[in-house]
């Protein structure tokens, strides 16, 4: 492996099974050796990683955290703001204007959770944007293999912005049909402004701003994708965001039709 040649030491691929079930082995080796646990994104983006640090501390194993780039701090590239206008990021959204982050999981025929939608509605009721982290399925065992001694795995799957938009629209449709839609004036709709981002930070980075309905048919290419559901859009955000829309007029029309964005 190239990494082994570069670091001049063994490199072990730590898949989910190893991290969740073989952490004792990692910690045991760390008692006598220097062990580096490399992860994608924020080191504390998974509860498993936090648990690993706590267990190391309990065992008296020194830990040093080297913080990493993450979609959580790079999403500003879409133009919506996380905070004060002077802290605008590349996507045009300000970081302090984001509410609670949600995860959108893949649905199955028998499992279709929608609790994340309530958090989106809550954010929008306060005029806040929502970063949606899209599901990743890597080395997931097949249903059949769960009853076998030998594990078989599904092909890797990475949710796209179009798949996420489709599931959100399904939830909107169901709630309208059942009348179960609180926050009537701020609930997301087919015309809600959203921003899809793909491969953030790479030379092939792509960003598109459009309605949720349009996002359902938008192809941003290869993974990884993330989706932002807009809250109240500030003038500076609009000025930055328009470069990712079909036209300024089209984006302004969407904003004008959404009560929370006015």
Protein backbone atom coordinates (compact mmCIF):
# COMPACT_ATOMS: atom_id res chain seq x y z
CA UNK A 1 0.00 0.00 0.00
CA UNK A 2 1.16 3.53 -0.76
CA UNK A 3 0.35 4.63 2.78
CA UNK A 4 2.60 1.94 4.25
CA UNK A 5 5.45 3.02 2.01
CA UNK A 6 4.94 6.67 2.96
CA UNK A 7 4.58 6.16 6.72
CA UNK A 8 6.98 3.21 6.87
CA UNK A 9 4.64 1.27 9.13
CA UNK A 10 1.72 -1.16 8.77
CA UNK A 11 -1.65 0.32 7.79
CA UNK A 12 -4.81 -1.57 8.77
CA UNK A 13 -8.11 -0.77 7.07
CA UNK A 14 -10.45 -0.07 10.00
CA UNK A 15 -13.94 -0.90 8.75
CA UNK A 16 -17.06 -0.61 10.89
CA UNK A 17 -16.71 -4.14 12.28
CA UNK A 18 -13.16 -3.49 13.48
CA UNK A 19 -13.97 -0.12 15.06
CA UNK A 20 -17.18 -1.25 16.76
CA UNK A 21 -16.20 -4.81 17.68
CA UNK A 22 -12.40 -4.82 17.66
CA UNK A 23 -11.69 -1.63 19.59
CA UNK A 24 -10.21 -3.66 22.46
CA UNK A 25 -7.45 -4.77 20.11
CA UNK A 26 -6.77 -1.17 19.06
CA UNK A 27 -6.53 -0.03 22.68
CA UNK A 28 -4.41 -3.00 23.74
CA UNK A 29 -1.78 -2.21 21.11
CA UNK A 30 -1.88 1.47 22.11
CA UNK A 31 -0.58 0.55 25.57
CA UNK A 32 2.85 -0.19 24.13
CA UNK A 33 2.83 1.41 20.67
CA UNK A 34 1.97 4.68 18.97
CA UNK A 35 -1.35 4.11 17.21
CA UNK A 36 -2.90 6.61 14.79
CA UNK A 37 -6.61 6.22 14.07
CA UNK A 38 -7.36 8.07 10.82
CA UNK A 39 -10.95 9.03 10.01
CA UNK A 40 -12.79 10.94 7.30
CA UNK A 41 -14.25 14.26 8.44
CA UNK A 42 -14.55 15.43 12.03
CA UNK A 43 -12.83 13.04 14.48
CA UNK A 44 -15.82 13.32 16.83
CA UNK A 45 -18.44 13.05 14.10
CA UNK A 46 -19.29 9.51 15.26
CA UNK A 47 -20.20 8.41 18.79
CA UNK A 48 -17.97 5.37 18.29
CA UNK A 49 -14.94 7.66 18.06
CA UNK A 50 -15.91 9.53 21.23
CA UNK A 51 -16.34 6.20 23.03
CA UNK A 52 -12.88 5.11 21.85
CA UNK A 53 -11.28 8.24 23.33
CA UNK A 54 -13.12 7.83 26.64
CA UNK A 55 -12.03 4.21 26.94
CA UNK A 56 -8.44 5.16 26.15
CA UNK A 57 -8.51 7.81 28.87
CA UNK A 58 -9.92 5.31 31.36
CA UNK A 59 -7.05 2.95 30.50
CA UNK A 60 -4.50 5.71 31.01
CA UNK A 61 -3.59 5.87 27.32
CA UNK A 62 -2.59 9.40 26.23
CA UNK A 63 -4.64 10.76 23.32
CA UNK A 64 -3.92 13.61 20.95
CA UNK A 65 -6.64 14.79 18.57
CA UNK A 66 -5.66 16.30 15.21
CA UNK A 67 -8.76 18.05 13.89
CA UNK A 68 -9.76 17.53 10.29
CA UNK A 69 -11.70 19.21 7.51
CA UNK A 70 -15.39 18.29 7.51
CA UNK A 71 -18.56 19.04 5.56
CA UNK A 72 -19.76 20.63 8.81
CA UNK A 73 -17.36 23.53 8.35
CA UNK A 74 -17.03 23.42 4.56
CA UNK A 75 -20.74 23.68 3.69
CA UNK A 76 -20.37 27.45 3.62
CA UNK A 77 -19.16 26.97 0.05
CA UNK A 78 -22.84 26.93 -1.03
CA UNK A 79 -23.37 30.55 -0.10
CA UNK A 80 -25.75 30.21 2.84
CA UNK A 81 -24.45 31.70 6.06
CA UNK A 82 -23.42 30.07 9.32
CA UNK A 83 -23.08 33.45 10.94
CA UNK A 84 -22.25 37.11 10.62
CA UNK A 85 -21.84 38.27 7.00
CA UNK A 86 -18.11 38.71 7.52
CA UNK A 87 -17.90 34.95 8.11
CA UNK A 88 -19.57 33.98 4.86
CA UNK A 89 -18.34 30.75 3.35
CA UNK A 90 -17.86 29.68 -0.24
CA UNK A 91 -21.42 28.44 -0.84
CA UNK A 92 -22.79 31.83 0.22
CA UNK A 93 -24.65 30.69 3.34
CA UNK A 94 -23.52 32.10 6.70
CA UNK A 95 -22.59 29.52 9.34
CA UNK A 96 -24.50 31.03 12.28
CA UNK A 97 -27.71 30.90 10.24
CA UNK A 98 -27.73 27.10 10.28
CA UNK A 99 -29.89 25.19 12.72
CA UNK A 100 -29.67 21.58 13.84
CA UNK A 101 -28.02 19.24 11.33
CA UNK A 102 -30.03 16.18 10.26
CA UNK A 103 -29.22 12.84 8.69
CA UNK A 104 -31.38 11.41 5.90
CA UNK A 105 -31.23 7.59 5.83
CA UNK A 106 -32.02 5.28 2.96
CA UNK A 107 -35.56 3.96 3.15
CA UNK A 108 -36.55 0.34 2.74
CA UNK A 109 -39.93 -1.19 1.95
CA UNK A 110 -40.59 -1.71 5.67
CA UNK A 111 -38.60 1.14 7.29
CA UNK A 112 -39.26 4.74 6.30
CA UNK A 113 -38.43 7.09 9.21
CA UNK A 114 -39.29 10.76 8.84
CA UNK A 115 -38.43 12.34 12.22
CA UNK A 116 -35.63 14.34 10.57
CA UNK A 117 -38.30 16.29 8.70
CA UNK A 118 -39.62 17.74 11.96
CA UNK A 119 -36.16 19.15 12.70
CA UNK A 120 -36.08 20.77 9.26
CA UNK A 121 -39.48 22.37 9.94
CA UNK A 122 -38.26 23.53 13.36
CA UNK A 123 -35.19 25.15 11.82
CA UNK A 124 -37.26 26.87 9.15
CA UNK A 125 -39.68 28.20 11.76
CA UNK A 126 -36.72 30.16 13.14
CA UNK A 127 -35.49 31.17 9.69
CA UNK A 128 -32.51 28.80 9.90
CA UNK A 129 -30.93 26.69 7.18
CA UNK A 130 -30.62 22.91 7.58
CA UNK A 131 -27.60 20.86 6.56
CA UNK A 132 -28.74 17.36 5.57
CA UNK A 133 -26.10 14.64 5.77
CA UNK A 134 -26.95 11.90 3.28
CA UNK A 135 -26.74 8.20 3.99
CA UNK A 136 -23.65 6.14 3.18
CA UNK A 137 -23.81 2.36 3.12
CA UNK A 138 -20.43 0.69 2.99
CA UNK A 139 -19.86 -2.94 3.95
CA UNK A 140 -23.46 -3.39 5.05
CA UNK A 141 -24.39 -7.07 5.51
CA UNK A 142 -27.17 -8.42 3.33
CA UNK A 143 -30.39 -9.51 5.01
CA UNK A 144 -29.76 -13.11 3.98
CA UNK A 145 -26.26 -13.16 5.45
CA UNK A 146 -27.53 -12.21 8.90
CA UNK A 147 -28.75 -15.79 9.30
CA UNK A 148 -25.51 -17.29 7.97
CA UNK A 149 -22.12 -17.73 9.57
CA UNK A 150 -20.38 -16.22 6.56
CA UNK A 151 -21.10 -12.55 6.04
CA UNK A 152 -22.08 -11.23 2.64
CA UNK A 153 -22.13 -7.51 1.98
CA UNK A 154 -24.24 -5.20 -0.14
CA UNK A 155 -22.60 -3.11 -2.84
CA UNK A 156 -21.56 0.33 -1.51
CA UNK A 157 -24.29 2.98 -1.79
CA UNK A 158 -24.00 6.75 -1.46
CA UNK A 159 -27.22 8.76 -1.32
CA UNK A 160 -27.49 11.50 -3.94
CA UNK A 161 -29.20 14.86 -3.55
CA UNK A 162 -31.89 13.70 -5.97
CA UNK A 163 -32.66 10.65 -3.81
CA UNK A 164 -32.77 12.81 -0.68
CA UNK A 165 -35.10 15.31 -2.37
CA UNK A 166 -37.37 12.47 -3.51
CA UNK A 167 -37.73 11.14 0.04
CA UNK A 168 -38.42 14.62 1.42
CA UNK A 169 -41.12 15.17 -1.20
CA UNK A 170 -42.67 11.83 -0.27
CA UNK A 171 -42.87 12.95 3.36
CA UNK A 172 -44.42 16.29 2.36
CA UNK A 173 -47.02 14.51 0.26
CA UNK A 174 -47.94 12.07 3.04
CA UNK A 175 -48.27 14.77 5.67
CA UNK A 176 -50.46 16.89 3.44
CA UNK A 177 -52.69 13.89 2.79
CA UNK A 178 -53.02 13.05 6.49
CA UNK A 179 -53.29 16.66 7.62
CA UNK A 180 -50.31 16.08 9.93
CA UNK A 181 -48.31 19.18 9.13
CA UNK A 182 -47.71 21.62 11.93
CA UNK A 183 -46.02 24.95 11.21
CA UNK A 184 -48.23 25.24 8.12
CA UNK A 185 -46.60 28.49 6.97
CA UNK A 186 -43.01 27.27 7.23
CA UNK A 187 -43.26 23.61 6.30
CA UNK A 188 -41.15 22.68 3.30
CA UNK A 189 -42.87 22.33 -0.06
CA UNK A 190 -42.04 21.45 -3.64
CA UNK A 191 -40.91 25.05 -4.17
CA UNK A 192 -38.68 25.28 -1.11
CA UNK A 193 -35.22 26.62 -1.97
CA UNK A 194 -32.46 24.08 -1.46
CA UNK A 195 -28.80 23.74 -2.38
CA UNK A 196 -27.12 20.54 -3.45
CA UNK A 197 -23.36 20.18 -3.08
CA UNK A 198 -21.10 17.42 -4.33
CA UNK A 199 -17.43 16.53 -3.80
CA UNK A 200 -16.85 19.67 -1.73
CA UNK A 201 -13.25 20.80 -1.70
CA UNK A 202 -12.22 18.78 -4.75
CA UNK A 203 -11.43 20.14 -8.23
CA UNK A 204 -14.75 18.67 -9.44
CA UNK A 205 -16.85 20.36 -6.73
CA UNK A 206 -20.37 21.13 -7.92
CA UNK A 207 -23.12 23.27 -6.37
CA UNK A 208 -26.70 23.77 -7.58
CA UNK A 209 -29.42 26.00 -6.08
CA UNK A 210 -33.02 25.29 -7.07
CA UNK A 211 -36.40 24.17 -5.75
CA UNK A 212 -36.81 20.87 -3.92
CA UNK A 213 -38.87 19.59 -6.86
CA UNK A 214 -36.10 20.48 -9.32
CA UNK A 215 -33.49 18.89 -7.05
CA UNK A 216 -35.33 15.57 -7.42
CA UNK A 217 -34.14 15.39 -11.04
CA UNK A 218 -30.74 17.04 -10.58
CA UNK A 219 -27.66 14.91 -11.25
CA UNK A 220 -24.56 16.14 -9.42
CA UNK A 221 -22.47 13.16 -10.46
CA UNK A 222 -20.32 10.98 -8.25
CA UNK A 223 -20.41 11.13 -4.42
CA UNK A 224 -20.20 12.50 -1.81
CA UNK A 225 -23.34 14.68 -1.78
CA UNK A 226 -24.97 16.91 0.86
CA UNK A 227 -28.20 18.89 0.78
CA UNK A 228 -29.08 22.22 2.40
CA UNK A 229 -32.71 23.24 2.97
CA UNK A 230 -32.82 27.04 3.07
CA UNK A 231 -34.23 29.12 5.88
CA UNK A 232 -34.48 32.90 5.62
CA UNK A 233 -32.07 34.08 2.91
CA UNK A 234 -30.25 37.34 3.55
CA UNK A 235 -29.43 39.80 0.71
CA UNK A 236 -25.72 38.91 0.76
CA UNK A 237 -26.57 35.22 0.67
CA UNK A 238 -28.83 35.76 -2.34
CA UNK A 239 -26.11 37.70 -4.11
CA UNK A 240 -23.69 34.81 -3.64
CA UNK A 241 -26.21 32.01 -4.16
CA UNK A 242 -27.47 33.22 -7.53
CA UNK A 243 -24.33 31.97 -9.30
CA UNK A 244 -25.49 28.41 -8.57
CA UNK A 245 -29.07 28.93 -9.81
CA UNK A 246 -30.49 28.74 -13.32
CA UNK A 247 -31.06 32.50 -13.12
CA UNK A 248 -31.41 35.27 -10.57
CA UNK A 249 -35.04 35.76 -11.59
CA UNK A 250 -35.88 32.09 -11.05
CA UNK A 251 -34.30 32.11 -7.59
CA UNK A 252 -36.03 35.34 -6.59
CA UNK A 253 -39.39 33.91 -7.68
CA UNK A 254 -38.88 30.87 -5.44
CA UNK A 255 -37.97 33.08 -2.50
CA UNK A 256 -40.98 35.33 -3.10
CA UNK A 257 -43.33 32.33 -3.00
CA UNK A 258 -41.97 31.03 0.32
CA UNK A 259 -43.30 32.86 3.42
CA UNK A 260 -40.28 32.06 5.58
CA UNK A 261 -37.81 33.41 3.01
CA UNK A 262 -39.38 36.84 2.58
